[in-house]
Amino acid sequence: MATHEQKFKAGETKGQYEEKTGQAMDSMKNKAQEAKDKASEMAHSAQGRTQESKDQTGSYLSEKAGATKGKTCETTETAKQKVGGAAQDSKEMAESGRETTETGKEKTGGLLQKTGEQIKGMAQGTADAMKHTFGRADTDEDDPNVTAKKDY
């Protein structure tokens, strides 16, 4: 059996062992708490960066969408202006064509009228000449004092 001194030393060793175990446990708990705090801090920081990144991405996408929308509106407006300009040019060309046609009709009508009058004058001249040739004229057109002989 063990003596009192041995029991005392065993108890003392046990107490030292329990104290060192307690200290080691406290140290481990502290380190675990520090690791937990650091992990939480890192997670919170990462979450903040993620949110910031989302905000920046959203902002970037909003800017790009706005720019794209603006470019689309600008392109649409340019296309409308070009179509409007082409329509106006077409109207102007049609009006110019109408005016040219009217001018051509007027010139042609005037030419036809003039030609008709010339033909009428020539026909009258031919008729008078025929009447003179056959003696059917009422008067000599060159000399108003001479009357033609009537055979009827």
N, C-alpha and C. Protein backbone atom coordinates (compact mmCIF):
# COMPACT_ATOMS: atom_id res chain seq x y z
N MET A 1 0.80 -1.14 0.00
CA MET A 1 0.00 0.00 0.00
C MET A 1 0.85 1.22 0.00
N ALA A 2 0.18 2.16 -0.37
CA ALA A 2 0.94 3.37 -0.55
C ALA A 2 0.96 4.17 0.73
N THR A 3 2.02 4.84 0.89
CA THR A 3 2.19 5.63 2.08
C THR A 3 1.53 6.98 1.89
N HIS A 4 1.47 7.64 3.00
CA HIS A 4 0.82 8.94 3.00
C HIS A 4 1.56 9.91 2.10
N GLU A 5 2.82 9.87 2.10
CA GLU A 5 3.61 10.75 1.26
C GLU A 5 3.39 10.41 -0.21
N GLN A 6 3.29 9.17 -0.52
CA GLN A 6 3.05 8.76 -1.90
C GLN A 6 1.66 9.21 -2.35
N LYS A 7 0.69 9.08 -1.43
CA LYS A 7 -0.66 9.51 -1.75
C LYS A 7 -0.68 11.03 -1.95
N PHE A 8 0.09 11.72 -1.09
CA PHE A 8 0.15 13.19 -1.23
C PHE A 8 0.76 13.56 -2.57
N LYS A 9 1.83 12.92 -2.93
CA LYS A 9 2.50 13.21 -4.19
C LYS A 9 1.59 12.84 -5.36
N ALA A 10 0.89 11.76 -5.25
CA ALA A 10 -0.04 11.34 -6.31
C ALA A 10 -1.15 12.37 -6.43
N GLY A 11 -1.66 12.85 -5.29
CA GLY A 11 -2.71 13.87 -5.33
C GLY A 11 -2.17 15.17 -5.89
N GLU A 12 -0.96 15.50 -5.50
CA GLU A 12 -0.33 16.72 -6.01
C GLU A 12 -0.12 16.61 -7.52
N THR A 13 0.34 15.50 -8.00
CA THR A 13 0.55 15.28 -9.43
C THR A 13 -0.78 15.35 -10.16
N LYS A 14 -1.78 14.69 -9.52
CA LYS A 14 -3.11 14.72 -10.13
C LYS A 14 -3.61 16.14 -10.22
N GLY A 15 -3.43 16.94 -9.17
CA GLY A 15 -3.86 18.35 -9.16
C GLY A 15 -3.13 19.14 -10.22
N GLN A 16 -1.83 18.91 -10.33
CA GLN A 16 -1.05 19.61 -11.36
C GLN A 16 -1.54 19.20 -12.75
N TYR A 17 -1.80 17.89 -12.87
CA TYR A 17 -2.28 17.39 -14.16
C TYR A 17 -3.63 18.02 -14.49
N GLU A 18 -4.54 18.08 -13.54
CA GLU A 18 -5.87 18.67 -13.76
C GLU A 18 -5.74 20.16 -14.07
N GLU A 19 -4.81 20.84 -13.37
CA GLU A 19 -4.62 22.27 -13.64
C GLU A 19 -4.08 22.47 -15.05
N LYS A 20 -3.07 21.69 -15.41
CA LYS A 20 -2.52 21.82 -16.77
C LYS A 20 -3.57 21.45 -17.81
N THR A 21 -4.36 20.43 -17.55
CA THR A 21 -5.43 20.04 -18.47
C THR A 21 -6.44 21.17 -18.58
N GLY A 22 -6.79 21.79 -17.45
CA GLY A 22 -7.73 22.93 -17.45
C GLY A 22 -7.15 24.10 -18.23
N GLN A 23 -5.85 24.37 -18.01
CA GLN A 23 -5.21 25.45 -18.74
C GLN A 23 -5.19 25.15 -20.24
N ALA A 24 -4.87 23.92 -20.58
CA ALA A 24 -4.84 23.52 -21.99
C ALA A 24 -6.25 23.64 -22.59
N MET A 25 -7.25 23.24 -21.79
CA MET A 25 -8.63 23.32 -22.26
C MET A 25 -9.03 24.78 -22.45
N ASP A 26 -8.68 25.64 -21.50
CA ASP A 26 -9.00 27.07 -21.63
C ASP A 26 -8.29 27.67 -22.84
N SER A 27 -7.03 27.29 -23.01
CA SER A 27 -6.28 27.78 -24.16
C SER A 27 -6.95 27.32 -25.46
N MET A 28 -7.36 26.07 -25.50
CA MET A 28 -8.04 25.53 -26.68
C MET A 28 -9.37 26.25 -26.91
N LYS A 29 -10.09 26.48 -25.80
CA LYS A 29 -11.37 27.20 -25.93
C LYS A 29 -11.14 28.60 -26.48
N ASN A 30 -10.11 29.28 -25.93
CA ASN A 30 -9.79 30.63 -26.40
C ASN A 30 -9.41 30.62 -27.88
N LYS A 31 -8.56 29.66 -28.25
CA LYS A 31 -8.16 29.57 -29.65
C LYS A 31 -9.36 29.23 -30.53
N ALA A 32 -10.22 28.35 -30.06
CA ALA A 32 -11.41 28.00 -30.83
C ALA A 32 -12.33 29.22 -30.97
N GLN A 33 -12.47 29.99 -29.87
CA GLN A 33 -13.31 31.20 -29.93
C GLN A 33 -12.69 32.22 -30.89
N GLU A 34 -11.38 32.39 -30.82
CA GLU A 34 -10.69 33.31 -31.73
C GLU A 34 -10.89 32.86 -33.19
N ALA A 35 -10.74 31.55 -33.44
CA ALA A 35 -10.93 31.02 -34.80
C ALA A 35 -12.37 31.25 -35.24
N LYS A 36 -13.31 31.01 -34.31
CA LYS A 36 -14.73 31.22 -34.62
C LYS A 36 -14.99 32.68 -34.94
N ASP A 37 -14.43 33.59 -34.10
CA ASP A 37 -14.61 35.03 -34.32
C ASP A 37 -13.99 35.44 -35.66
N LYS A 38 -12.78 34.92 -35.92
CA LYS A 38 -12.11 35.26 -37.16
C LYS A 38 -12.90 34.74 -38.37
N ALA A 39 -13.40 33.53 -38.28
CA ALA A 39 -14.21 32.95 -39.36
C ALA A 39 -15.48 33.77 -39.57
N SER A 40 -16.10 34.16 -38.47
CA SER A 40 -17.32 34.98 -38.56
C SER A 40 -17.01 36.33 -39.20
N GLU A 41 -15.89 36.92 -38.76
CA GLU A 41 -15.47 38.21 -39.32
C GLU A 41 -15.18 38.07 -40.82
N MET A 42 -14.49 37.00 -41.17
CA MET A 42 -14.18 36.77 -42.59
C MET A 42 -15.46 36.53 -43.40
N ALA A 43 -16.39 35.78 -42.84
CA ALA A 43 -17.65 35.52 -43.53
C ALA A 43 -18.43 36.82 -43.70
N HIS A 44 -18.45 37.62 -42.64
CA HIS A 44 -19.14 38.91 -42.71
C HIS A 44 -18.47 39.82 -43.75
N SER A 45 -17.14 39.83 -43.77
CA SER A 45 -16.39 40.63 -44.73
C SER A 45 -16.66 40.13 -46.15
N ALA A 46 -16.64 38.81 -46.30
CA ALA A 46 -16.92 38.23 -47.63
C ALA A 46 -18.34 38.57 -48.06
N GLN A 47 -19.27 38.52 -47.13
CA GLN A 47 -20.65 38.86 -47.44
C GLN A 47 -20.74 40.33 -47.88
N GLY A 48 -20.01 41.18 -47.17
CA GLY A 48 -19.99 42.61 -47.55
C GLY A 48 -19.39 42.79 -48.95
N ARG A 49 -18.28 42.10 -49.20
CA ARG A 49 -17.66 42.19 -50.53
C ARG A 49 -18.58 41.61 -51.60
N THR A 50 -19.24 40.54 -51.26
CA THR A 50 -20.19 39.94 -52.22
C THR A 50 -21.31 40.92 -52.52
N GLN A 51 -21.85 41.54 -51.47
CA GLN A 51 -22.93 42.53 -51.68
C GLN A 51 -22.40 43.72 -52.49
N GLU A 52 -21.19 44.16 -52.15
CA GLU A 52 -20.57 45.27 -52.88
C GLU A 52 -20.37 44.88 -54.34
N SER A 53 -19.92 43.65 -54.56
CA SER A 53 -19.72 43.15 -55.91
C SER A 53 -21.05 43.08 -56.65
N LYS A 54 -22.10 42.61 -55.95
CA LYS A 54 -23.43 42.56 -56.55
C LYS A 54 -23.90 43.96 -56.90
N ASP A 55 -23.67 44.90 -55.98
CA ASP A 55 -24.08 46.28 -56.23
C ASP A 55 -23.34 46.85 -57.44
N GLN A 56 -22.01 46.59 -57.48
CA GLN A 56 -21.22 47.08 -58.61
C GLN A 56 -21.66 46.42 -59.91
N THR A 57 -21.89 45.11 -59.83
CA THR A 57 -22.35 44.39 -61.03
C THR A 57 -23.71 44.91 -61.46
N GLY A 58 -24.61 45.08 -60.49
CA GLY A 58 -25.94 45.63 -60.81
C GLY A 58 -25.83 47.02 -61.39
N SER A 59 -24.96 47.82 -60.79
CA SER A 59 -24.76 49.18 -61.29
C SER A 59 -24.17 49.14 -62.69
N TYR A 60 -23.19 48.27 -62.88
CA TYR A 60 -22.57 48.13 -64.20
C TYR A 60 -23.59 47.67 -65.23
N LEU A 61 -24.37 46.66 -64.85
CA LEU A 61 -25.39 46.16 -65.77
C LEU A 61 -26.46 47.22 -66.04
N SER A 62 -26.81 47.97 -65.03
CA SER A 62 -27.80 49.05 -65.22
C SER A 62 -27.24 50.10 -66.17
N GLU A 63 -25.97 50.45 -65.97
CA GLU A 63 -25.34 51.43 -66.87
C GLU A 63 -25.30 50.90 -68.30
N LYS A 64 -24.90 49.62 -68.44
CA LYS A 64 -24.83 49.02 -69.77
C LYS A 64 -26.22 48.93 -70.39
N ALA A 65 -27.20 48.54 -69.58
CA ALA A 65 -28.57 48.46 -70.10
C ALA A 65 -29.05 49.84 -70.50
N GLY A 66 -28.76 50.84 -69.68
CA GLY A 66 -29.14 52.22 -70.02
C GLY A 66 -28.45 52.68 -71.28
N ALA A 67 -27.16 52.37 -71.39
CA ALA A 67 -26.41 52.77 -72.59
C ALA A 67 -26.96 52.05 -73.81
N THR A 68 -27.25 50.77 -73.64
CA THR A 68 -27.82 50.00 -74.76
C THR A 68 -29.18 50.55 -75.15
N LYS A 69 -29.99 50.86 -74.15
CA LYS A 69 -31.31 51.43 -74.42
C LYS A 69 -31.16 52.78 -75.13
N GLY A 70 -30.23 53.59 -74.65
CA GLY A 70 -29.99 54.89 -75.28
C GLY A 70 -29.53 54.73 -76.72
N LYS A 71 -28.62 53.79 -76.94
CA LYS A 71 -28.11 53.54 -78.30
C LYS A 71 -29.24 53.03 -79.19
N THR A 72 -30.08 52.16 -78.65
CA THR A 72 -31.21 51.64 -79.42
C THR A 72 -32.17 52.76 -79.78
N CYS A 73 -32.47 53.64 -78.81
CA CYS A 73 -33.36 54.77 -79.08
C CYS A 73 -32.74 55.69 -80.13
N GLU A 74 -31.45 55.92 -79.99
CA GLU A 74 -30.74 56.79 -80.94
C GLU A 74 -30.77 56.18 -82.35
N THR A 75 -30.51 54.89 -82.43
CA THR A 75 -30.54 54.20 -83.72
C THR A 75 -31.94 54.22 -84.31
N THR A 76 -32.94 54.01 -83.46
CA THR A 76 -34.33 54.05 -83.92
C THR A 76 -34.67 55.43 -84.44
N GLU A 77 -34.26 56.45 -83.71
CA GLU A 77 -34.55 57.83 -84.12
C GLU A 77 -33.85 58.14 -85.44
N THR A 78 -32.60 57.70 -85.58
CA THR A 78 -31.86 57.91 -86.82
C THR A 78 -32.57 57.22 -87.98
N ALA A 79 -33.02 55.99 -87.74
CA ALA A 79 -33.73 55.24 -88.79
C ALA A 79 -35.03 55.97 -89.16
N LYS A 80 -35.76 56.46 -88.14
CA LYS A 80 -36.99 57.21 -88.42
C LYS A 80 -36.69 58.44 -89.27
N GLN A 81 -35.62 59.14 -88.93
CA GLN A 81 -35.25 60.34 -89.68
C GLN A 81 -34.89 59.98 -91.12
N LYS A 82 -34.14 58.89 -91.28
CA LYS A 82 -33.76 58.48 -92.63
C LYS A 82 -34.99 58.08 -93.44
N VAL A 83 -35.89 57.34 -92.81
CA VAL A 83 -37.12 56.93 -93.50
C VAL A 83 -37.95 58.16 -93.83
N GLY A 84 -38.05 59.09 -92.87
CA GLY A 84 -38.79 60.33 -93.11
C GLY A 84 -38.15 61.13 -94.24
N GLY A 85 -36.83 61.19 -94.24
CA GLY A 85 -36.11 61.90 -95.30
C GLY A 85 -36.33 61.23 -96.65
N ALA A 86 -36.29 59.91 -96.65
CA ALA A 86 -36.53 59.17 -97.91
C ALA A 86 -37.96 59.40 -98.39
N ALA A 87 -38.91 59.41 -97.45
CA ALA A 87 -40.30 59.65 -97.83
C ALA A 87 -40.45 61.06 -98.39
N GLN A 88 -39.80 62.02 -97.74
CA GLN A 88 -39.86 63.41 -98.23
C GLN A 88 -39.23 63.51 -99.61
N ASP A 89 -38.08 62.84 -99.79
CA ASP A 89 -37.43 62.84 -101.11
C ASP A 89 -38.35 62.22 -102.16
N SER A 90 -39.02 61.14 -101.79
CA SER A 90 -39.95 60.49 -102.72
C SER A 90 -41.09 61.42 -103.08
N LYS A 91 -41.63 62.13 -102.08
CA LYS A 91 -42.71 63.08 -102.35
C LYS A 91 -42.22 64.18 -103.29
N GLU A 92 -41.02 64.69 -103.01
CA GLU A 92 -40.47 65.76 -103.83
C GLU A 92 -40.23 65.26 -105.26
N MET A 93 -39.72 64.03 -105.38
CA MET A 93 -39.48 63.48 -106.71
C MET A 93 -40.81 63.29 -107.45
N ALA A 94 -41.84 62.83 -106.74
CA ALA A 94 -43.15 62.64 -107.37
C ALA A 94 -43.71 63.99 -107.82
N GLU A 95 -43.57 65.00 -106.95
CA GLU A 95 -44.06 66.34 -107.31
C GLU A 95 -43.28 66.88 -108.51
N SER A 96 -41.98 66.68 -108.53
CA SER A 96 -41.16 67.12 -109.66
C SER A 96 -41.60 66.39 -110.93
N GLY A 97 -41.89 65.11 -110.80
CA GLY A 97 -42.36 64.33 -111.95
C GLY A 97 -43.69 64.87 -112.46
N ARG A 98 -44.60 65.21 -111.52
CA ARG A 98 -45.89 65.78 -111.93
C ARG A 98 -45.68 67.10 -112.66
N GLU A 99 -44.82 67.93 -112.09
CA GLU A 99 -44.56 69.23 -112.72
C GLU A 99 -43.96 69.06 -114.12
N THR A 100 -43.03 68.12 -114.23
CA THR A 100 -42.42 67.86 -115.54
C THR A 100 -43.47 67.35 -116.52
N THR A 101 -44.36 66.49 -116.04
CA THR A 101 -45.42 65.97 -116.89
C THR A 101 -46.35 67.10 -117.33
N GLU A 102 -46.72 67.98 -116.38
CA GLU A 102 -47.58 69.12 -116.71
C GLU A 102 -46.91 70.02 -117.75
N THR A 103 -45.64 70.31 -117.51
CA THR A 103 -44.90 71.15 -118.44
C THR A 103 -44.86 70.49 -119.82
N GLY A 104 -44.61 69.19 -119.85
CA GLY A 104 -44.58 68.45 -121.12
C GLY A 104 -45.93 68.49 -121.81
N LYS A 105 -47.01 68.32 -121.00
CA LYS A 105 -48.36 68.39 -121.58
C LYS A 105 -48.61 69.76 -122.18
N GLU A 106 -48.23 70.80 -121.43
CA GLU A 106 -48.45 72.16 -121.92
C GLU A 106 -47.65 72.40 -123.20
N LYS A 107 -46.39 71.97 -123.20
CA LYS A 107 -45.56 72.15 -124.39
C LYS A 107 -46.13 71.35 -125.55
N THR A 108 -46.51 70.11 -125.25
CA THR A 108 -47.06 69.25 -126.30
C THR A 108 -48.38 69.83 -126.81
N GLY A 109 -49.21 70.28 -125.87
CA GLY A 109 -50.49 70.87 -126.26
C GLY A 109 -50.27 72.11 -127.12
N GLY A 110 -49.35 72.95 -126.70
CA GLY A 110 -49.04 74.16 -127.46
C GLY A 110 -48.49 73.82 -128.83
N LEU A 111 -47.62 72.81 -128.87
CA LEU A 111 -47.03 72.39 -130.13
C LEU A 111 -48.10 71.81 -131.05
N LEU A 112 -48.96 70.97 -130.46
CA LEU A 112 -50.04 70.39 -131.26
C LEU A 112 -50.99 71.47 -131.76
N GLN A 113 -51.30 72.44 -130.90
CA GLN A 113 -52.18 73.53 -131.31
C GLN A 113 -51.55 74.33 -132.45
N LYS A 114 -50.27 74.64 -132.28
CA LYS A 114 -49.55 75.41 -133.30
C LYS A 114 -49.50 74.62 -134.61
N THR A 115 -49.20 73.31 -134.48
CA THR A 115 -49.15 72.45 -135.66
C THR A 115 -50.52 72.38 -136.32
N GLY A 116 -51.55 72.27 -135.49
CA GLY A 116 -52.92 72.23 -136.02
C GLY A 116 -53.26 73.52 -136.76
N GLU A 117 -52.88 74.64 -136.17
CA GLU A 117 -53.15 75.92 -136.84
C GLU A 117 -52.39 76.02 -138.15
N GLN A 118 -51.14 75.54 -138.16
CA GLN A 118 -50.35 75.57 -139.38
C GLN A 118 -51.00 74.69 -140.46
N ILE A 119 -51.43 73.49 -140.04
CA ILE A 119 -52.07 72.58 -140.99
C ILE A 119 -53.36 73.19 -141.51
N LYS A 120 -54.12 73.82 -140.59
CA LYS A 120 -55.37 74.47 -140.99
C LYS A 120 -55.10 75.60 -142.00
N GLY A 121 -54.06 76.39 -141.68
CA GLY A 121 -53.69 77.47 -142.60
C GLY A 121 -53.25 76.94 -143.95
N MET A 122 -52.47 75.85 -143.93
CA MET A 122 -52.00 75.25 -145.18
C MET A 122 -53.19 74.68 -145.97
N ALA A 123 -54.10 74.06 -145.24
CA ALA A 123 -55.29 73.50 -145.91
C ALA A 123 -56.12 74.62 -146.52
N GLN A 124 -56.27 75.72 -145.81
CA GLN A 124 -57.03 76.86 -146.33
C GLN A 124 -56.33 77.44 -147.56
N GLY A 125 -54.99 77.51 -147.45
CA GLY A 125 -54.22 78.00 -148.60
C GLY A 125 -54.38 77.09 -149.80
N THR A 126 -54.34 75.81 -149.54
CA THR A 126 -54.51 74.83 -150.62
C THR A 126 -55.91 74.94 -151.22
N ALA A 127 -56.90 75.10 -150.37
CA ALA A 127 -58.29 75.23 -150.85
C ALA A 127 -58.44 76.48 -151.69
N ASP A 128 -57.87 77.60 -151.22
CA ASP A 128 -57.95 78.85 -151.99
C ASP A 128 -57.23 78.71 -153.32
N ALA A 129 -56.07 78.06 -153.30
CA ALA A 129 -55.31 77.87 -154.53
C ALA A 129 -56.11 77.01 -155.51
N MET A 130 -56.76 75.99 -154.99
CA MET A 130 -57.58 75.13 -155.84
C MET A 130 -58.76 75.90 -156.42
N LYS A 131 -59.35 76.75 -155.59
CA LYS A 131 -60.48 77.54 -156.06
C LYS A 131 -60.01 78.49 -157.17
N HIS A 132 -58.87 79.10 -157.00
CA HIS A 132 -58.33 79.99 -158.03
C HIS A 132 -58.03 79.23 -159.30
N THR A 133 -57.44 78.04 -159.11
CA THR A 133 -57.07 77.25 -160.26
C THR A 133 -58.30 76.88 -161.08
N PHE A 134 -59.36 76.55 -160.44
CA PHE A 134 -60.56 76.12 -161.14
C PHE A 134 -61.57 77.25 -161.32
N GLY A 135 -61.19 78.45 -160.93
CA GLY A 135 -62.03 79.61 -161.11
C GLY A 135 -63.23 79.66 -160.21
N ARG A 136 -63.14 79.17 -159.09
CA ARG A 136 -64.24 79.17 -158.17
C ARG A 136 -64.09 80.19 -157.06
N ALA A 137 -63.07 80.95 -157.05
CA ALA A 137 -62.82 81.91 -155.97
C ALA A 137 -63.72 83.12 -156.16
N ASP A 138 -64.20 83.70 -155.03
CA ASP A 138 -65.04 84.88 -155.09
C ASP A 138 -64.23 86.09 -155.47
N THR A 139 -63.05 86.24 -154.92
CA THR A 139 -62.18 87.36 -155.24
C THR A 139 -60.77 86.87 -155.27
N ASP A 140 -59.94 87.66 -155.92
CA ASP A 140 -58.52 87.35 -155.94
C ASP A 140 -57.93 87.86 -154.64
N GLU A 141 -57.33 87.02 -153.91
CA GLU A 141 -56.82 87.44 -152.62
C GLU A 141 -55.65 88.35 -152.75
N ASP A 142 -54.88 88.21 -153.84
CA ASP A 142 -53.73 89.10 -154.04
C ASP A 142 -54.22 90.48 -154.45
N ASP A 143 -55.24 90.54 -155.21
CA ASP A 143 -55.76 91.84 -155.70
C ASP A 143 -57.24 91.90 -155.37
N PRO A 144 -57.65 92.71 -154.40
CA PRO A 144 -59.04 92.75 -154.00
C PRO A 144 -59.97 93.34 -155.07
N ASN A 145 -59.46 93.99 -156.08
CA ASN A 145 -60.29 94.58 -157.13
C ASN A 145 -60.73 93.57 -158.17
N VAL A 146 -60.06 92.45 -158.22
CA VAL A 146 -60.37 91.45 -159.23
C VAL A 146 -61.31 90.44 -158.61
N THR A 147 -62.39 90.16 -159.29
CA THR A 147 -63.29 89.13 -158.81
C THR A 147 -63.18 87.94 -159.75
N ALA A 148 -63.26 86.81 -159.18
CA ALA A 148 -63.15 85.61 -160.00
C ALA A 148 -64.46 85.29 -160.65
N LYS A 149 -64.36 84.61 -161.69
CA LYS A 149 -65.51 84.26 -162.49
C LYS A 149 -66.20 83.08 -161.85
N LYS A 150 -67.51 83.21 -161.71
CA LYS A 150 -68.27 82.16 -161.10
C LYS A 150 -69.00 81.40 -162.18
N ASP A 151 -68.82 80.07 -162.11
CA ASP A 151 -69.45 79.24 -163.11
C ASP A 151 -70.64 78.47 -162.57
N TYR A 152 -71.18 78.85 -161.60
CA TYR A 152 -72.24 78.04 -161.09
C TYR A 152 -73.53 78.61 -161.31
